[in-house]
């Protein structure tokens, strides 16, 4: 995953959350209700948005963890390949010296 796609994914997620928050607040402020009802709605909506944001963050964290595990596994595989190739070349050079 490149830095660019990570940044654009985060920017999109941030935009969705901010847009939802602004929409919810605007809807509550322009709805005909008493001050107490409006405050209660704002508290409820803020709790809902906090929960939603926490869920999205957990999803993002899981995705990043999966990607990091994949990268680690690929790096370990490549390291083993390099070790095997190096060992093969060492044995090949030793064999050529022994024949000389």
C-alpha atoms as a PDB file:
ATOM      1  CA  UNK A   1       0.000   0.000   0.000  1.00  0.00           C
ATOM      2  CA  UNK A   2       1.510   3.310  -0.944  1.00  0.00           C
ATOM      3  CA  UNK A   3       1.579   6.408   1.215  1.00  0.00           C
ATOM      4  CA  UNK A   4      -0.614   8.221  -1.292  1.00  0.00           C
ATOM      5  CA  UNK A   5      -3.463   5.694  -1.138  1.00  0.00           C
ATOM      6  CA  UNK A   6      -3.206   5.574   2.672  1.00  0.00           C
ATOM      7  CA  UNK A   7      -3.448   9.353   2.882  1.00  0.00           C
ATOM      8  CA  UNK A   8      -6.364   9.555   0.459  1.00  0.00           C
ATOM      9  CA  UNK A   9      -8.202   6.791   2.354  1.00  0.00           C
ATOM     10  CA  UNK A  10      -7.703   8.597   5.635  1.00  0.00           C
ATOM     11  CA  UNK A  11      -8.739  11.920   4.084  1.00  0.00           C
ATOM     12  CA  UNK A  12     -11.905  10.326   2.710  1.00  0.00           C
ATOM     13  CA  UNK A  13     -12.732   8.762   6.081  1.00  0.00           C
ATOM     14  CA  UNK A  14     -12.103  12.069   7.864  1.00  0.00           C
ATOM     15  CA  UNK A  15     -14.322  13.852   5.337  1.00  0.00           C
ATOM     16  CA  UNK A  16     -17.158  11.381   5.865  1.00  0.00           C
ATOM     17  CA  UNK A  17     -16.978  11.712   9.647  1.00  0.00           C
ATOM     18  CA  UNK A  18     -16.764  15.510   9.577  1.00  0.00           C
ATOM     19  CA  UNK A  19     -19.568  15.727   7.030  1.00  0.00           C
ATOM     20  CA  UNK A  20     -21.783  13.480   9.148  1.00  0.00           C
ATOM     21  CA  UNK A  21     -21.069  15.563  12.233  1.00  0.00           C
ATOM     22  CA  UNK A  22     -21.806  18.858  10.487  1.00  0.00           C
ATOM     23  CA  UNK A  23     -24.992  17.459   8.977  1.00  0.00           C
ATOM     24  CA  UNK A  24     -26.202  16.104  12.295  1.00  0.00           C
ATOM     25  CA  UNK A  25     -25.517  19.362  14.135  1.00  0.00           C
ATOM     26  CA  UNK A  26     -27.145  21.461  11.407  1.00  0.00           C
ATOM     27  CA  UNK A  27     -30.202  19.218  11.410  1.00  0.00           C
ATOM     28  CA  UNK A  28     -30.546  19.481  15.150  1.00  0.00           C
ATOM     29  CA  UNK A  29     -30.012  23.214  15.296  1.00  0.00           C
ATOM     30  CA  UNK A  30     -32.599  23.967  12.631  1.00  0.00           C
ATOM     31  CA  UNK A  31     -35.211  21.509  13.894  1.00  0.00           C
ATOM     32  CA  UNK A  32     -37.958  23.064  15.999  1.00  0.00           C
ATOM     33  CA  UNK A  33     -37.287  21.866  19.539  1.00  0.00           C
ATOM     34  CA  UNK A  34     -36.683  23.287  22.978  1.00  0.00           C
ATOM     35  CA  UNK A  35     -33.164  24.059  24.120  1.00  0.00           C
ATOM     36  CA  UNK A  36     -33.089  21.071  26.432  1.00  0.00           C
ATOM     37  CA  UNK A  37     -34.302  18.718  23.700  1.00  0.00           C
ATOM     38  CA  UNK A  38     -31.697  20.097  21.306  1.00  0.00           C
ATOM     39  CA  UNK A  39     -28.926  19.660  23.873  1.00  0.00           C
ATOM     40  CA  UNK A  40     -30.035  16.097  24.554  1.00  0.00           C
ATOM     41  CA  UNK A  41     -30.063  15.359  20.829  1.00  0.00           C
ATOM     42  CA  UNK A  42     -26.594  16.876  20.443  1.00  0.00           C
ATOM     43  CA  UNK A  43     -25.288  14.699  23.271  1.00  0.00           C
ATOM     44  CA  UNK A  44     -26.873  11.593  21.746  1.00  0.00           C
ATOM     45  CA  UNK A  45     -25.551  12.388  18.269  1.00  0.00           C
ATOM     46  CA  UNK A  46     -22.067  13.108  19.583  1.00  0.00           C
ATOM     47  CA  UNK A  47     -22.072   9.743  21.367  1.00  0.00           C
ATOM     48  CA  UNK A  48     -23.233   8.026  18.166  1.00  0.00           C
ATOM     49  CA  UNK A  49     -20.556   9.761  16.123  1.00  0.00           C
ATOM     50  CA  UNK A  50     -17.888   8.904  18.698  1.00  0.00           C
ATOM     51  CA  UNK A  51     -18.903   5.251  18.565  1.00  0.00           C
ATOM     52  CA  UNK A  52     -18.882   5.312  14.767  1.00  0.00           C
ATOM     53  CA  UNK A  53     -15.467   6.952  14.705  1.00  0.00           C
ATOM     54  CA  UNK A  54     -14.091   4.373  17.129  1.00  0.00           C
ATOM     55  CA  UNK A  55     -15.450   1.579  14.926  1.00  0.00           C
ATOM     56  CA  UNK A  56     -13.861   3.129  11.825  1.00  0.00           C
ATOM     57  CA  UNK A  57     -10.572   3.568  13.671  1.00  0.00           C
ATOM     58  CA  UNK A  58     -10.610  -0.088  14.733  1.00  0.00           C
ATOM     59  CA  UNK A  59     -11.276  -1.116  11.118  1.00  0.00           C
ATOM     60  CA  UNK A  60      -8.389   1.059   9.943  1.00  0.00           C
ATOM     61  CA  UNK A  61      -6.118  -0.346  12.646  1.00  0.00           C
ATOM     62  CA  UNK A  62      -7.017  -3.913  11.628  1.00  0.00           C
ATOM     63  CA  UNK A  63      -6.320  -3.131   7.983  1.00  0.00           C
ATOM     64  CA  UNK A  64      -2.943  -1.575   8.768  1.00  0.00           C
ATOM     65  CA  UNK A  65      -2.049  -4.538  10.982  1.00  0.00           C
ATOM     66  CA  UNK A  66      -2.928  -6.966   8.178  1.00  0.00           C
ATOM     67  CA  UNK A  67      -0.854  -5.028   5.665  1.00  0.00           C
ATOM     68  CA  UNK A  68       2.120  -4.885   8.023  1.00  0.00           C
ATOM     69  CA  UNK A  69       1.901  -8.628   8.631  1.00  0.00           C
ATOM     70  CA  UNK A  70       1.849  -9.238   4.863  1.00  0.00           C
ATOM     71  CA  UNK A  71       4.886  -6.998   4.373  1.00  0.00           C
ATOM     72  CA  UNK A  72       6.749  -8.722   7.213  1.00  0.00           C
ATOM     73  CA  UNK A  73       5.988 -12.149   5.762  1.00  0.00           C
ATOM     74  CA  UNK A  74       7.108 -11.079   2.276  1.00  0.00           C
ATOM     75  CA  UNK A  75      10.319  -9.596   3.681  1.00  0.00           C
ATOM     76  CA  UNK A  76      11.096 -12.779   5.609  1.00  0.00           C
ATOM     77  CA  UNK A  77      10.504 -14.868   2.484  1.00  0.00           C
ATOM     78  CA  UNK A  78      12.783 -12.628   0.437  1.00  0.00           C
ATOM     79  CA  UNK A  79      15.453 -12.738   3.152  1.00  0.00           C
ATOM     80  CA  UNK A  80      15.405 -16.522   3.098  1.00  0.00           C
ATOM     81  CA  UNK A  81      15.737 -16.493  -0.704  1.00  0.00           C
ATOM     82  CA  UNK A  82      18.720 -14.141  -0.476  1.00  0.00           C
ATOM     83  CA  UNK A  83      20.347 -16.315   2.203  1.00  0.00           C
ATOM     84  CA  UNK A  84      19.874 -19.433   0.085  1.00  0.00           C
ATOM     85  CA  UNK A  85      21.299 -17.717  -3.000  1.00  0.00           C
ATOM     86  CA  UNK A  86      24.288 -16.401  -1.046  1.00  0.00           C
ATOM     87  CA  UNK A  87      24.956 -19.821   0.468  1.00  0.00           C
ATOM     88  CA  UNK A  88      24.727 -21.409  -2.975  1.00  0.00           C
ATOM     89  CA  UNK A  89      27.225 -18.892  -4.398  1.00  0.00           C
ATOM     90  CA  UNK A  90      29.597 -19.484  -1.459  1.00  0.00           C
ATOM     91  CA  UNK A  91      29.466 -23.226  -2.052  1.00  0.00           C
ATOM     92  CA  UNK A  92      30.004 -22.659  -5.773  1.00  0.00           C
ATOM     93  CA  UNK A  93      33.106 -20.498  -5.141  1.00  0.00           C
ATOM     94  CA  UNK A  94      34.443 -23.036  -2.621  1.00  0.00           C
ATOM     95  CA  UNK A  95      33.962 -25.781  -5.194  1.00  0.00           C
ATOM     96  CA  UNK A  96      35.822 -23.795  -7.863  1.00  0.00           C
ATOM     97  CA  UNK A  97      38.739 -23.164  -5.451  1.00  0.00           C
ATOM     98  CA  UNK A  98      38.898 -26.849  -4.538  1.00  0.00           C
ATOM     99  CA  UNK A  99      39.072 -27.787  -8.225  1.00  0.00           C
ATOM    100  CA  UNK A 100      41.930 -25.326  -8.827  1.00  0.00           C
END
